[in-house]
Amino acid sequence: QVQLVESGGGLVQPGGSLRLSCAASGITFSSCVMRWYRQAPGKEGELVATITSGGSTTTYVDSVKGRFTISRENAKNTVYLQMNSLKPEDTAVYYCNAVNPWGITYWGQGTRVTVSS
């Protein structure tokens, strides 16, 4: 059974930091491209960050460049999203996404991030 379990969300003040984690099971994690998406209230989902299977290449949406860092530990089947200098507009439910070499996609259940004073 495939599971992607996100954790690390919560309430944080503007300018603060959070680190999201996504622990995977039931997939060959080291072969998967991993992504973080987010969906803010009343808005469409947005791709936030991508990391290749080996971790050598990362990409980010412009609005988070320089503030967020995606990383992975293949030995722990875990991908992370370090979020610094958080802004109210970063408030959203963040979802972990895995795509295997055959194009099959898996999703986590999401973790809520609220940035507010």
Protein backbone atom coordinates (compact mmCIF):
# COMPACT_ATOMS: atom_id res chain seq x y z
CA GLN A 1 0.00 0.00 0.00
CA VAL A 2 1.40 3.37 -1.04
CA GLN A 3 1.45 6.09 1.57
CA LEU A 4 2.77 9.62 1.52
CA VAL A 5 2.43 11.17 4.96
CA GLU A 6 3.09 14.87 5.37
CA SER A 7 3.88 16.52 8.68
CA GLY A 8 5.26 19.76 10.03
CA GLY A 9 2.49 22.18 9.21
CA GLY A 10 1.03 24.62 11.69
CA LEU A 11 0.53 28.25 12.62
CA VAL A 12 3.51 30.56 12.30
CA GLN A 13 3.98 34.32 12.40
CA PRO A 14 5.08 36.23 9.30
CA GLY A 15 8.84 35.98 8.93
CA GLY A 16 8.93 32.62 10.68
CA SER A 17 10.02 29.21 9.46
CA LEU A 18 8.59 25.74 9.16
CA ARG A 19 9.95 22.49 7.81
CA LEU A 20 7.55 20.12 6.15
CA SER A 21 8.31 16.43 5.85
CA CYS A 22 6.80 13.78 3.64
CA ALA A 23 7.51 10.16 4.51
CA ALA A 24 6.87 7.67 1.73
CA SER A 25 6.20 3.95 1.88
CA GLY A 26 5.15 1.36 -0.64
CA ILE A 27 7.04 3.01 -3.50
CA THR A 28 10.59 2.92 -4.80
CA PHE A 29 11.22 6.35 -3.40
CA SER A 30 14.70 6.78 -4.84
CA SER A 31 13.29 6.43 -8.36
CA CYS A 32 10.57 9.03 -7.92
CA VAL A 33 10.54 12.70 -8.77
CA MET A 34 9.12 14.44 -5.73
CA ARG A 35 7.13 17.65 -5.66
CA TRP A 36 5.41 19.91 -3.18
CA TYR A 37 2.16 21.54 -4.22
CA ARG A 38 -0.03 23.91 -2.29
CA GLN A 39 -3.61 25.04 -2.46
CA ALA A 40 -4.67 28.26 -0.81
CA PRO A 41 -8.30 28.87 0.16
CA GLY A 42 -10.34 29.76 -2.91
CA LYS A 43 -7.41 29.33 -5.27
CA GLU A 44 -6.18 26.71 -7.68
CA GLY A 45 -3.40 24.36 -6.72
CA GLU A 46 0.14 25.52 -7.37
CA LEU A 47 3.36 23.62 -7.90
CA VAL A 48 5.81 24.95 -5.33
CA ALA A 49 8.98 22.90 -5.72
CA THR A 50 10.40 19.85 -7.52
CA ILE A 51 13.39 17.65 -6.83
CA THR A 52 14.71 14.95 -9.13
CA SER A 53 15.12 11.38 -8.00
CA GLY A 54 18.79 11.74 -7.16
CA GLY A 55 18.36 15.17 -5.67
CA SER A 56 20.72 16.90 -8.06
CA THR A 57 18.16 19.28 -9.56
CA THR A 58 15.58 21.43 -7.85
CA THR A 59 13.13 23.98 -9.22
CA TYR A 60 10.83 26.47 -7.54
CA VAL A 61 7.92 28.70 -8.33
CA ASP A 62 9.11 32.30 -8.49
CA SER A 63 7.18 33.37 -5.42
CA VAL A 64 9.21 31.10 -3.12
CA LYS A 65 12.66 31.31 -4.68
CA GLY A 66 15.26 32.22 -2.10
CA ARG A 67 12.90 31.39 0.77
CA PHE A 68 12.02 27.70 0.35
CA THR A 69 14.34 24.73 -0.08
CA ILE A 70 13.30 21.26 -1.19
CA SER A 71 15.55 18.35 -0.24
CA ARG A 72 15.36 14.60 0.14
CA GLU A 73 16.92 11.73 2.03
CA ASN A 74 16.51 8.62 -0.08
CA ALA A 75 17.79 6.44 2.74
CA LYS A 76 14.84 7.61 4.84
CA ASN A 77 12.29 7.73 2.00
CA THR A 78 11.59 11.32 2.99
CA VAL A 79 11.35 14.64 1.19
CA TYR A 80 11.44 17.98 2.97
CA LEU A 81 10.39 21.54 2.33
CA GLN A 82 12.22 24.10 4.42
CA MET A 83 10.21 27.31 4.42
CA ASN A 84 11.80 30.50 5.67
CA SER A 85 10.67 34.12 5.74
CA LEU A 86 7.08 32.98 5.55
CA LYS A 87 4.44 35.39 4.34
CA PRO A 88 0.66 35.40 4.81
CA GLU A 89 0.32 34.51 1.14
CA ASP A 90 2.10 31.22 1.84
CA THR A 91 -0.97 30.11 3.80
CA ALA A 92 -2.24 26.94 2.15
CA VAL A 93 -2.56 23.21 2.44
CA TYR A 94 0.72 21.70 1.25
CA TYR A 95 0.70 18.37 -0.55
CA CYS A 96 3.49 15.95 -1.25
CA ASN A 97 3.51 14.34 -4.69
CA ALA A 98 5.52 11.44 -6.08
CA VAL A 99 5.81 10.41 -9.72
CA ASN A 100 7.51 7.11 -10.53
CA PRO A 101 9.44 6.36 -13.74
CA TRP A 102 6.25 5.00 -15.34
CA GLY A 103 4.34 8.22 -14.72
CA ILE A 104 2.18 6.91 -11.92
CA THR A 105 1.38 9.68 -9.47
CA TYR A 106 0.79 9.48 -5.75
CA TRP A 107 -0.43 12.13 -3.34
CA GLY A 108 -0.31 12.71 0.37
CA GLN A 109 -3.23 13.92 2.44
CA GLY A 110 -1.82 17.40 2.95
CA THR A 111 -0.63 19.47 5.86
CA ARG A 112 -1.99 22.92 6.63
CA VAL A 113 0.28 25.93 6.93
CA THR A 114 -1.13 29.16 8.30
CA VAL A 115 0.98 32.31 8.36
CA SER A 116 -0.64 34.93 10.53
CA SER A 117 0.11 37.32 13.35
